[in-house]
Amino acid sequence: GLLALTVATAACTTADPAAAPTTSPSAGPTTAPSASPTAAPSASRTG
């Protein structure tokens, strides 16, 4: 579904498998886009 949305940007994209993550945390469940709120900010109030 996400890839189907990229048609509009196909002209300015390239395959780049080298863009791999530098860390490998465990993967959680994938969630489809939905009308849900943004998670609350997690930054400390001290700066």
All heavy atoms as atom14 arrays in JSON, in Angstrom:
{
  "sequence": "GLLALTVATAACTTADPAAAPTTSPSAGPTTAPSASPTAAPSASRTG",
  "atom14_mask": [
    [1, 1, 1, 1, 0, 0, 0, 0, 0, 0, 0, 0, 0, 0],
    [1, 1, 1, 1, 1, 1, 1, 1, 0, 0, 0, 0, 0, 0],
    [1, 1, 1, 1, 1, 1, 1, 1, 0, 0, 0, 0, 0, 0],
    [1, 1, 1, 1, 1, 0, 0, 0, 0, 0, 0, 0, 0, 0],
    [1, 1, 1, 1, 1, 1, 1, 1, 0, 0, 0, 0, 0, 0],
    [1, 1, 1, 1, 1, 1, 1, 0, 0, 0, 0, 0, 0, 0],
    [1, 1, 1, 1, 1, 1, 1, 0, 0, 0, 0, 0, 0, 0],
    [1, 1, 1, 1, 1, 0, 0, 0, 0, 0, 0, 0, 0, 0],
    [1, 1, 1, 1, 1, 1, 1, 0, 0, 0, 0, 0, 0, 0],
    [1, 1, 1, 1, 1, 0, 0, 0, 0, 0, 0, 0, 0, 0],
    [1, 1, 1, 1, 1, 0, 0, 0, 0, 0, 0, 0, 0, 0],
    [1, 1, 1, 1, 1, 1, 0, 0, 0, 0, 0, 0, 0, 0],
    [1, 1, 1, 1, 1, 1, 1, 0, 0, 0, 0, 0, 0, 0],
    [1, 1, 1, 1, 1, 1, 1, 0, 0, 0, 0, 0, 0, 0],
    [1, 1, 1, 1, 1, 0, 0, 0, 0, 0, 0, 0, 0, 0],
    [1, 1, 1, 1, 1, 1, 1, 1, 0, 0, 0, 0, 0, 0],
    [1, 1, 1, 1, 1, 1, 1, 0, 0, 0, 0, 0, 0, 0],
    [1, 1, 1, 1, 1, 0, 0, 0, 0, 0, 0, 0, 0, 0],
    [1, 1, 1, 1, 1, 0, 0, 0, 0, 0, 0, 0, 0, 0],
    [1, 1, 1, 1, 1, 0, 0, 0, 0, 0, 0, 0, 0, 0],
    [1, 1, 1, 1, 1, 1, 1, 0, 0, 0, 0, 0, 0, 0],
    [1, 1, 1, 1, 1, 1, 1, 0, 0, 0, 0, 0, 0, 0],
    [1, 1, 1, 1, 1, 1, 1, 0, 0, 0, 0, 0, 0, 0],
    [1, 1, 1, 1, 1, 1, 0, 0, 0, 0, 0, 0, 0, 0],
    [1, 1, 1, 1, 1, 1, 1, 0, 0, 0, 0, 0, 0, 0],
    [1, 1, 1, 1, 1, 1, 0, 0, 0, 0, 0, 0, 0, 0],
    [1, 1, 1, 1, 1, 0, 0, 0, 0, 0, 0, 0, 0, 0],
    [1, 1, 1, 1, 0, 0, 0, 0, 0, 0, 0, 0, 0, 0],
    [1, 1, 1, 1, 1, 1, 1, 0, 0, 0, 0, 0, 0, 0],
    [1, 1, 1, 1, 1, 1, 1, 0, 0, 0, 0, 0, 0, 0],
    [1, 1, 1, 1, 1, 1, 1, 0, 0, 0, 0, 0, 0, 0],
    [1, 1, 1, 1, 1, 0, 0, 0, 0, 0, 0, 0, 0, 0],
    [1, 1, 1, 1, 1, 1, 1, 0, 0, 0, 0, 0, 0, 0],
    [1, 1, 1, 1, 1, 1, 0, 0, 0, 0, 0, 0, 0, 0],
    [1, 1, 1, 1, 1, 0, 0, 0, 0, 0, 0, 0, 0, 0],
    [1, 1, 1, 1, 1, 1, 0, 0, 0, 0, 0, 0, 0, 0],
    [1, 1, 1, 1, 1, 1, 1, 0, 0, 0, 0, 0, 0, 0],
    [1, 1, 1, 1, 1, 1, 1, 0, 0, 0, 0, 0, 0, 0],
    [1, 1, 1, 1, 1, 0, 0, 0, 0, 0, 0, 0, 0, 0],
    [1, 1, 1, 1, 1, 0, 0, 0, 0, 0, 0, 0, 0, 0],
    [1, 1, 1, 1, 1, 1, 1, 0, 0, 0, 0, 0, 0, 0],
    [1, 1, 1, 1, 1, 1, 0, 0, 0, 0, 0, 0, 0, 0],
    [1, 1, 1, 1, 1, 0, 0, 0, 0, 0, 0, 0, 0, 0],
    [1, 1, 1, 1, 1, 1, 0, 0, 0, 0, 0, 0, 0, 0],
    [1, 1, 1, 1, 1, 1, 1, 1, 1, 1, 1, 0, 0, 0],
    [1, 1, 1, 1, 1, 1, 1, 0, 0, 0, 0, 0, 0, 0],
    [1, 1, 1, 1, 0, 0, 0, 0, 0, 0, 0, 0, 0, 0]
  ],
  "atom14_positions": [
    [[0.82, -1.21, 0.0], [0.0, 0.0, 0.0], [0.85, 1.25, 0.0], [0.57, 2.22, -0.71], [0.0, 0.0, 0.0], [0.0, 0.0, 0.0], [0.0, 0.0, 0.0], [0.0, 0.0, 0.0], [0.0, 0.0, 0.0], [0.0, 0.0, 0.0], [0.0, 0.0, 0.0], [0.0, 0.0, 0.0], [0.0, 0.0, 0.0], [0.0, 0.0, 0.0]],
    [[1.93, 1.23, 0.78], [2.83, 2.38, 0.81], [3.53, 2.57, -0.52], [3.67, 3.68, -1.03], [3.86, 2.2, 1.92], [3.34, 2.38, 3.35], [4.41, 1.93, 4.34], [2.93, 3.8, 3.61], [0.0, 0.0, 0.0], [0.0, 0.0, 0.0], [0.0, 0.0, 0.0], [0.0, 0.0, 0.0], [0.0, 0.0, 0.0], [0.0, 0.0, 0.0]],
    [[3.98, 1.47, -1.11], [4.66, 1.58, -2.39], [3.74, 2.11, -3.47], [4.16, 2.85, -4.36], [5.22, 0.21, -2.8], [6.36, -0.32, -1.91], [6.78, -1.7, -2.39], [7.55, 0.62, -1.91], [0.0, 0.0, 0.0], [0.0, 0.0, 0.0], [0.0, 0.0, 0.0], [0.0, 0.0, 0.0], [0.0, 0.0, 0.0], [0.0, 0.0, 0.0]],
    [[2.46, 1.75, -3.38], [1.51, 2.26, -4.37], [1.39, 3.77, -4.31], [1.08, 4.42, -5.31], [0.14, 1.61, -4.15], [0.0, 0.0, 0.0], [0.0, 0.0, 0.0], [0.0, 0.0, 0.0], [0.0, 0.0, 0.0], [0.0, 0.0, 0.0], [0.0, 0.0, 0.0], [0.0, 0.0, 0.0], [0.0, 0.0, 0.0], [0.0, 0.0, 0.0]],
    [[1.66, 4.33, -3.14], [1.56, 5.78, -2.99], [2.77, 6.51, -3.56], [2.76, 7.73, -3.65], [1.42, 6.13, -1.51], [0.1, 5.74, -0.86], [0.2, 5.93, 0.65], [-1.05, 6.56, -1.42], [0.0, 0.0, 0.0], [0.0, 0.0, 0.0], [0.0, 0.0, 0.0], [0.0, 0.0, 0.0], [0.0, 0.0, 0.0], [0.0, 0.0, 0.0]],
    [[3.82, 5.78, -3.92], [5.05, 6.44, -4.35], [5.1, 6.72, -5.84], [6.1, 7.2, -6.33], [6.28, 5.6, -3.97], [6.26, 4.38, -4.74], [6.29, 5.26, -2.51], [0.0, 0.0, 0.0], [0.0, 0.0, 0.0], [0.0, 0.0, 0.0], [0.0, 0.0, 0.0], [0.0, 0.0, 0.0], [0.0, 0.0, 0.0], [0.0, 0.0, 0.0]],
    [[4.02, 6.42, -6.55], [4.02, 6.64, -7.99], [4.39, 8.09, -8.31], [5.15, 8.38, -9.23], [2.66, 6.28, -8.59], [2.6, 6.66, -10.06], [2.39, 4.79, -8.41], [0.0, 0.0, 0.0], [0.0, 0.0, 0.0], [0.0, 0.0, 0.0], [0.0, 0.0, 0.0], [0.0, 0.0, 0.0], [0.0, 0.0, 0.0], [0.0, 0.0, 0.0]],
    [[3.85, 9.01, -7.54], [4.07, 10.43, -7.83], [5.53, 10.83, -7.67], [5.98, 11.81, -8.26], [3.2, 11.29, -6.93], [0.0, 0.0, 0.0], [0.0, 0.0, 0.0], [0.0, 0.0, 0.0], [0.0, 0.0, 0.0], [0.0, 0.0, 0.0], [0.0, 0.0, 0.0], [0.0, 0.0, 0.0], [0.0, 0.0, 0.0], [0.0, 0.0, 0.0]],
    [[6.3, 10.07, -6.87], [7.7, 10.45, -6.65], [8.66, 9.53, -7.38], [9.87, 9.66, -7.2], [8.03, 10.42, -5.14], [7.74, 9.11, -4.65], [7.24, 11.44, -4.39], [0.0, 0.0, 0.0], [0.0, 0.0, 0.0], [0.0, 0.0, 0.0], [0.0, 0.0, 0.0], [0.0, 0.0, 0.0], [0.0, 0.0, 0.0], [0.0, 0.0, 0.0]],
    [[8.15, 8.61, -8.21], [9.02, 7.63, -8.85], [10.09, 8.3, -9.7], [11.21, 7.81, -9.82], [8.2, 6.67, -9.7], [0.0, 0.0, 0.0], [0.0, 0.0, 0.0], [0.0, 0.0, 0.0], [0.0, 0.0, 0.0], [0.0, 0.0, 0.0], [0.0, 0.0, 0.0], [0.0, 0.0, 0.0], [0.0, 0.0, 0.0], [0.0, 0.0, 0.0]],
    [[9.76, 9.42, -10.31], [10.71, 10.07, -11.21], [11.92, 10.62, -10.48], [12.95, 10.87, -11.09], [10.02, 11.19, -11.98], [0.0, 0.0, 0.0], [0.0, 0.0, 0.0], [0.0, 0.0, 0.0], [0.0, 0.0, 0.0], [0.0, 0.0, 0.0], [0.0, 0.0, 0.0], [0.0, 0.0, 0.0], [0.0, 0.0, 0.0], [0.0, 0.0, 0.0]],
    [[11.81, 10.81, -9.17], [12.95, 11.38, -8.43], [13.43, 10.43, -7.35], [13.91, 10.87, -6.31], [12.57, 12.75, -7.84], [11.19, 12.72, -6.72], [0.0, 0.0, 0.0], [0.0, 0.0, 0.0], [0.0, 0.0, 0.0], [0.0, 0.0, 0.0], [0.0, 0.0, 0.0], [0.0, 0.0, 0.0], [0.0, 0.0, 0.0], [0.0, 0.0, 0.0]],
    [[13.28, 9.13, -7.57], [13.75, 8.16, -6.59], [14.66, 7.15, -7.26], [14.61, 6.92, -8.46], [12.58, 7.41, -5.94], [11.84, 6.74, -6.97], [11.67, 8.34, -5.18], [0.0, 0.0, 0.0], [0.0, 0.0, 0.0], [0.0, 0.0, 0.0], [0.0, 0.0, 0.0], [0.0, 0.0, 0.0], [0.0, 0.0, 0.0], [0.0, 0.0, 0.0]],
    [[15.52, 6.52, -6.46], [16.38, 5.46, -6.94], [16.42, 4.35, -5.92], [16.21, 4.58, -4.73], [17.82, 5.96, -7.15], [18.35, 6.38, -5.9], [17.89, 7.09, -8.15], [0.0, 0.0, 0.0], [0.0, 0.0, 0.0], [0.0, 0.0, 0.0], [0.0, 0.0, 0.0], [0.0, 0.0, 0.0], [0.0, 0.0, 0.0], [0.0, 0.0, 0.0]],
    [[16.67, 3.15, -6.38], [16.87, 2.04, -5.44], [18.21, 2.23, -4.76], [19.22, 2.48, -5.41], [16.84, 0.71, -6.19], [0.0, 0.0, 0.0], [0.0, 0.0, 0.0], [0.0, 0.0, 0.0], [0.0, 0.0, 0.0], [0.0, 0.0, 0.0], [0.0, 0.0, 0.0], [0.0, 0.0, 0.0], [0.0, 0.0, 0.0], [0.0, 0.0, 0.0]],
    [[18.24, 2.1, -3.44], [19.48, 2.32, -2.7], [19.51, 1.38, -1.51], [19.31, 1.79, -0.37], [19.58, 3.78, -2.26], [20.91, 4.08, -1.58], [21.79, 3.19, -1.59], [21.05, 5.18, -1.05], [0.0, 0.0, 0.0], [0.0, 0.0, 0.0], [0.0, 0.0, 0.0], [0.0, 0.0, 0.0], [0.0, 0.0, 0.0], [0.0, 0.0, 0.0]],
    [[19.74, 0.09, -1.74], [19.76, -0.85, -0.63], [20.85, -0.54, 0.38], [20.83, -1.04, 1.49], [20.01, -2.2, -1.32], [19.63, -1.97, -2.76], [19.96, -0.55, -3.03], [0.0, 0.0, 0.0], [0.0, 0.0, 0.0], [0.0, 0.0, 0.0], [0.0, 0.0, 0.0], [0.0, 0.0, 0.0], [0.0, 0.0, 0.0], [0.0, 0.0, 0.0]],
    [[21.82, 0.29, 0.02], [22.92, 0.59, 0.95], [22.48, 1.45, 2.11], [23.21, 1.62, 3.07], [24.05, 1.28, 0.21], [0.0, 0.0, 0.0], [0.0, 0.0, 0.0], [0.0, 0.0, 0.0], [0.0, 0.0, 0.0], [0.0, 0.0, 0.0], [0.0, 0.0, 0.0], [0.0, 0.0, 0.0], [0.0, 0.0, 0.0], [0.0, 0.0, 0.0]],
    [[21.27, 2.02, 2.02], [20.8, 2.89, 3.11], [20.28, 2.02, 4.24], [19.12, 2.03, 4.59], [19.7, 3.81, 2.61], [0.0, 0.0, 0.0], [0.0, 0.0, 0.0], [0.0, 0.0, 0.0], [0.0, 0.0, 0.0], [0.0, 0.0, 0.0], [0.0, 0.0, 0.0], [0.0, 0.0, 0.0], [0.0, 0.0, 0.0], [0.0, 0.0, 0.0]],
    [[21.14, 1.25, 4.82], [20.76, 0.32, 5.87], [20.9, 0.98, 7.23], [21.67, 1.91, 7.4], [21.66, -0.92, 5.81], [0.0, 0.0, 0.0], [0.0, 0.0, 0.0], [0.0, 0.0, 0.0], [0.0, 0.0, 0.0], [0.0, 0.0, 0.0], [0.0, 0.0, 0.0], [0.0, 0.0, 0.0], [0.0, 0.0, 0.0], [0.0, 0.0, 0.0]],
    [[20.16, 0.51, 8.23], [20.25, 1.09, 9.56], [21.59, 0.77, 10.2], [22.22, -0.25, 9.9], [19.1, 0.43, 10.33], [18.86, -0.85, 9.6], [19.17, -0.57, 8.16], [0.0, 0.0, 0.0], [0.0, 0.0, 0.0], [0.0, 0.0, 0.0], [0.0, 0.0, 0.0], [0.0, 0.0, 0.0], [0.0, 0.0, 0.0], [0.0, 0.0, 0.0]],
    [[22.01, 1.64, 11.09], [23.26, 1.41, 11.8], [23.04, 0.56, 13.04], [23.98, 0.09, 13.65], [23.9, 2.74, 12.21], [22.96, 3.47, 12.99], [24.28, 3.56, 11.0], [0.0, 0.0, 0.0], [0.0, 0.0, 0.0], [0.0, 0.0, 0.0], [0.0, 0.0, 0.0], [0.0, 0.0, 0.0], [0.0, 0.0, 0.0], [0.0, 0.0, 0.0]],
    [[21.8, 0.4, 13.46], [21.47, -0.44, 14.6], [20.36, -1.37, 14.19], [19.69, -1.17, 13.2], [21.03, 0.4, 15.82], [19.88, 1.16, 15.43], [22.11, 1.34, 16.27], [0.0, 0.0, 0.0], [0.0, 0.0, 0.0], [0.0, 0.0, 0.0], [0.0, 0.0, 0.0], [0.0, 0.0, 0.0], [0.0, 0.0, 0.0], [0.0, 0.0, 0.0]],
    [[20.13, -2.4, 14.98], [19.12, -3.39, 14.61], [18.24, -3.74, 15.8], [18.29, -4.85, 16.34], [19.8, -4.65, 14.07], [20.58, -4.34, 12.94], [0.0, 0.0, 0.0], [0.0, 0.0, 0.0], [0.0, 0.0, 0.0], [0.0, 0.0, 0.0], [0.0, 0.0, 0.0], [0.0, 0.0, 0.0], [0.0, 0.0, 0.0], [0.0, 0.0, 0.0]],
    [[17.4, -2.8, 16.28], [16.48, -3.13, 17.34], [15.45, -4.11, 16.84], [15.2, -4.23, 15.65], [15.84, -1.77, 17.69], [15.99, -0.97, 16.46], [17.26, -1.42, 15.82], [0.0, 0.0, 0.0], [0.0, 0.0, 0.0], [0.0, 0.0, 0.0], [0.0, 0.0, 0.0], [0.0, 0.0, 0.0], [0.0, 0.0, 0.0], [0.0, 0.0, 0.0]],
    [[14.83, -4.83, 17.76], [13.82, -5.79, 17.35], [12.65, -5.09, 16.7], [12.26, -4.0, 17.09], [13.33, -6.58, 18.58], [12.79, -5.69, 19.53], [0.0, 0.0, 0.0], [0.0, 0.0, 0.0], [0.0, 0.0, 0.0], [0.0, 0.0, 0.0], [0.0, 0.0, 0.0], [0.0, 0.0, 0.0], [0.0, 0.0, 0.0], [0.0, 0.0, 0.0]],
    [[12.1, -5.75, 15.69], [11.01, -5.14, 14.94], [9.69, -5.39, 15.63], [9.38, -6.5, 16.03], [10.98, -5.72, 13.53], [0.0, 0.0, 0.0], [0.0, 0.0, 0.0], [0.0, 0.0, 0.0], [0.0, 0.0, 0.0], [0.0, 0.0, 0.0], [0.0, 0.0, 0.0], [0.0, 0.0, 0.0], [0.0, 0.0, 0.0], [0.0, 0.0, 0.0]],
    [[8.9, -4.34, 15.78], [7.56, -4.46, 16.32], [6.57, -4.66, 15.2], [6.92, -4.76, 14.03], [0.0, 0.0, 0.0], [0.0, 0.0, 0.0], [0.0, 0.0, 0.0], [0.0, 0.0, 0.0], [0.0, 0.0, 0.0], [0.0, 0.0, 0.0], [0.0, 0.0, 0.0], [0.0, 0.0, 0.0], [0.0, 0.0, 0.0], [0.0, 0.0, 0.0]],
    [[5.27, -4.72, 15.51], [4.27, -4.93, 14.49], [4.15, -3.73, 13.56], [4.28, -2.6, 13.98], [2.98, -5.14, 15.3], [3.24, -4.42, 16.58], [4.7, -4.6, 16.85], [0.0, 0.0, 0.0], [0.0, 0.0, 0.0], [0.0, 0.0, 0.0], [0.0, 0.0, 0.0], [0.0, 0.0, 0.0], [0.0, 0.0, 0.0], [0.0, 0.0, 0.0]],
    [[3.9, -4.01, 12.29], [3.63, -2.96, 11.33], [2.19, -2.51, 11.46], [1.29, -3.33, 11.58], [3.86, -3.48, 9.91], [5.21, -3.95, 9.81], [3.64, -2.39, 8.88], [0.0, 0.0, 0.0], [0.0, 0.0, 0.0], [0.0, 0.0, 0.0], [0.0, 0.0, 0.0], [0.0, 0.0, 0.0], [0.0, 0.0, 0.0], [0.0, 0.0, 0.0]],
    [[1.97, -1.21, 11.45], [0.62, -0.68, 11.59], [0.26, 0.11, 10.36], [1.02, 0.96, 9.91], [0.52, 0.24, 12.82], [0.95, -0.5, 13.95], [-0.91, 0.71, 13.03], [0.0, 0.0, 0.0], [0.0, 0.0, 0.0], [0.0, 0.0, 0.0], [0.0, 0.0, 0.0], [0.0, 0.0, 0.0], [0.0, 0.0, 0.0], [0.0, 0.0, 0.0]],
    [[-0.9, -0.15, 9.81], [-1.34, 0.59, 8.64], [-1.68, 2.01, 9.01], [-2.04, 2.3, 10.16], [-2.57, -0.09, 8.03], [0.0, 0.0, 0.0], [0.0, 0.0, 0.0], [0.0, 0.0, 0.0], [0.0, 0.0, 0.0], [0.0, 0.0, 0.0], [0.0, 0.0, 0.0], [0.0, 0.0, 0.0], [0.0, 0.0, 0.0], [0.0, 0.0, 0.0]],
    [[-1.6, 2.96, 8.06], [-1.98, 4.34, 8.35], [-3.42, 4.41, 8.83], [-4.3, 3.74, 8.31], [-1.82, 5.02, 6.99], [-0.83, 4.18, 6.25], [-1.1, 2.78, 6.7], [0.0, 0.0, 0.0], [0.0, 0.0, 0.0], [0.0, 0.0, 0.0], [0.0, 0.0, 0.0], [0.0, 0.0, 0.0], [0.0, 0.0, 0.0], [0.0, 0.0, 0.0]],
    [[-3.67, 5.21, 9.84], [-5.02, 5.38, 10.36], [-5.14, 6.75, 10.96], [-4.17, 7.44, 11.18], [-5.32, 4.32, 11.44], [-4.44, 4.47, 12.53], [0.0, 0.0, 0.0], [0.0, 0.0, 0.0], [0.0, 0.0, 0.0], [0.0, 0.0, 0.0], [0.0, 0.0, 0.0], [0.0, 0.0, 0.0], [0.0, 0.0, 0.0], [0.0, 0.0, 0.0]],
    [[-6.37, 7.17, 11.25], [-6.6, 8.49, 11.82], [-6.37, 8.43, 13.32], [-7.28, 8.46, 14.12], [-8.0, 8.98, 11.51], [0.0, 0.0, 0.0], [0.0, 0.0, 0.0], [0.0, 0.0, 0.0], [0.0, 0.0, 0.0], [0.0, 0.0, 0.0], [0.0, 0.0, 0.0], [0.0, 0.0, 0.0], [0.0, 0.0, 0.0], [0.0, 0.0, 0.0]],
    [[-5.14, 8.29, 13.73], [-4.79, 8.2, 15.14], [-3.94, 9.39, 15.52], [-3.25, 9.96, 14.69], [-4.03, 6.9, 15.42], [-2.87, 6.85, 14.64], [0.0, 0.0, 0.0], [0.0, 0.0, 0.0], [0.0, 0.0, 0.0], [0.0, 0.0, 0.0], [0.0, 0.0, 0.0], [0.0, 0.0, 0.0], [0.0, 0.0, 0.0], [0.0, 0.0, 0.0]],
    [[-3.95, 9.79, 16.79], [-3.19, 10.97, 17.21], [-1.71, 10.68, 17.27], [-1.28, 9.54, 17.39], [-3.76, 11.26, 18.6], [-4.17, 9.92, 19.11], [-4.69, 9.18, 17.9], [0.0, 0.0, 0.0], [0.0, 0.0, 0.0], [0.0, 0.0, 0.0], [0.0, 0.0, 0.0], [0.0, 0.0, 0.0], [0.0, 0.0, 0.0], [0.0, 0.0, 0.0]],
    [[-0.94, 11.74, 17.21], [0.49, 11.62, 17.39], [0.8, 11.28, 18.84], [0.13, 11.75, 19.75], [1.16, 12.95, 17.04], [0.79, 13.3, 15.71], [2.67, 12.87, 17.16], [0.0, 0.0, 0.0], [0.0, 0.0, 0.0], [0.0, 0.0, 0.0], [0.0, 0.0, 0.0], [0.0, 0.0, 0.0], [0.0, 0.0, 0.0], [0.0, 0.0, 0.0]],
    [[1.8, 10.45, 19.04], [2.2, 10.13, 20.41], [2.64, 11.4, 21.11], [3.17, 12.32, 20.51], [3.33, 9.12, 20.39], [0.0, 0.0, 0.0], [0.0, 0.0, 0.0], [0.0, 0.0, 0.0], [0.0, 0.0, 0.0], [0.0, 0.0, 0.0], [0.0, 0.0, 0.0], [0.0, 0.0, 0.0], [0.0, 0.0, 0.0], [0.0, 0.0, 0.0]],
    [[2.43, 11.44, 22.42], [2.8, 12.62, 23.19], [4.31, 12.83, 23.12], [5.08, 11.88, 23.07], [2.36, 12.46, 24.65], [0.0, 0.0, 0.0], [0.0, 0.0, 0.0], [0.0, 0.0, 0.0], [0.0, 0.0, 0.0], [0.0, 0.0, 0.0], [0.0, 0.0, 0.0], [0.0, 0.0, 0.0], [0.0, 0.0, 0.0], [0.0, 0.0, 0.0]],
    [[4.75, 14.07, 23.11], [6.19, 14.34, 23.1], [6.86, 13.67, 24.28], [6.3, 13.6, 25.38], [6.27, 15.87, 23.22], [4.95, 16.36, 22.73], [3.96, 15.3, 23.12], [0.0, 0.0, 0.0], [0.0, 0.0, 0.0], [0.0, 0.0, 0.0], [0.0, 0.0, 0.0], [0.0, 0.0, 0.0], [0.0, 0.0, 0.0], [0.0, 0.0, 0.0]],
    [[8.08, 13.19, 24.06], [8.77, 12.49, 25.13], [9.99, 13.25, 25.66], [10.67, 12.76, 26.53], [9.23, 11.11, 24.65], [10.06, 11.24, 23.52], [0.0, 0.0, 0.0], [0.0, 0.0, 0.0], [0.0, 0.0, 0.0], [0.0, 0.0, 0.0], [0.0, 0.0, 0.0], [0.0, 0.0, 0.0], [0.0, 0.0, 0.0], [0.0, 0.0, 0.0]],
    [[10.24, 14.42, 25.12], [11.41, 15.18, 25.56], [11.28, 15.63, 27.0], [10.2, 15.9, 27.49], [11.62, 16.4, 24.66], [0.0, 0.0, 0.0], [0.0, 0.0, 0.0], [0.0, 0.0, 0.0], [0.0, 0.0, 0.0], [0.0, 0.0, 0.0], [0.0, 0.0, 0.0], [0.0, 0.0, 0.0], [0.0, 0.0, 0.0], [0.0, 0.0, 0.0]],
    [[12.39, 15.7, 27.69], [12.41, 16.14, 29.08], [12.07, 17.62, 29.2], [12.43, 18.42, 28.35], [13.8, 15.89, 29.67], [13.99, 16.6, 30.86], [0.0, 0.0, 0.0], [0.0, 0.0, 0.0], [0.0, 0.0, 0.0], [0.0, 0.0, 0.0], [0.0, 0.0, 0.0], [0.0, 0.0, 0.0], [0.0, 0.0, 0.0], [0.0, 0.0, 0.0]],
    [[11.39, 18.0, 30.27], [11.06, 19.4, 30.49], [12.28, 20.18, 30.97], [12.2, 21.37, 31.17], [9.93, 19.53, 31.5], [8.62, 18.95, 31.0], [7.5, 19.23, 31.98], [7.27, 20.65, 32.12], [6.54, 21.39, 31.29], [6.0, 20.84, 30.24], [6.36, 22.67, 31.5], [0.0, 0.0, 0.0], [0.0, 0.0, 0.0], [0.0, 0.0, 0.0]],
    [[13.4, 19.53, 31.18], [14.58, 20.24, 31.67], [15.52, 20.65, 30.56], [16.62, 21.09, 30.83], [15.33, 19.37, 32.69], [15.74, 18.14, 32.03], [14.48, 19.06, 33.88], [0.0, 0.0, 0.0], [0.0, 0.0, 0.0], [0.0, 0.0, 0.0], [0.0, 0.0, 0.0], [0.0, 0.0, 0.0], [0.0, 0.0, 0.0], [0.0, 0.0, 0.0]],
    [[15.1, 20.48, 29.31], [15.96, 21.0, 28.26], [16.08, 20.15, 27.03], [16.81, 20.48, 26.12], [0.0, 0.0, 0.0], [0.0, 0.0, 0.0], [0.0, 0.0, 0.0], [0.0, 0.0, 0.0], [0.0, 0.0, 0.0], [0.0, 0.0, 0.0], [0.0, 0.0, 0.0], [0.0, 0.0, 0.0], [0.0, 0.0, 0.0], [0.0, 0.0, 0.0]]
  ]
}
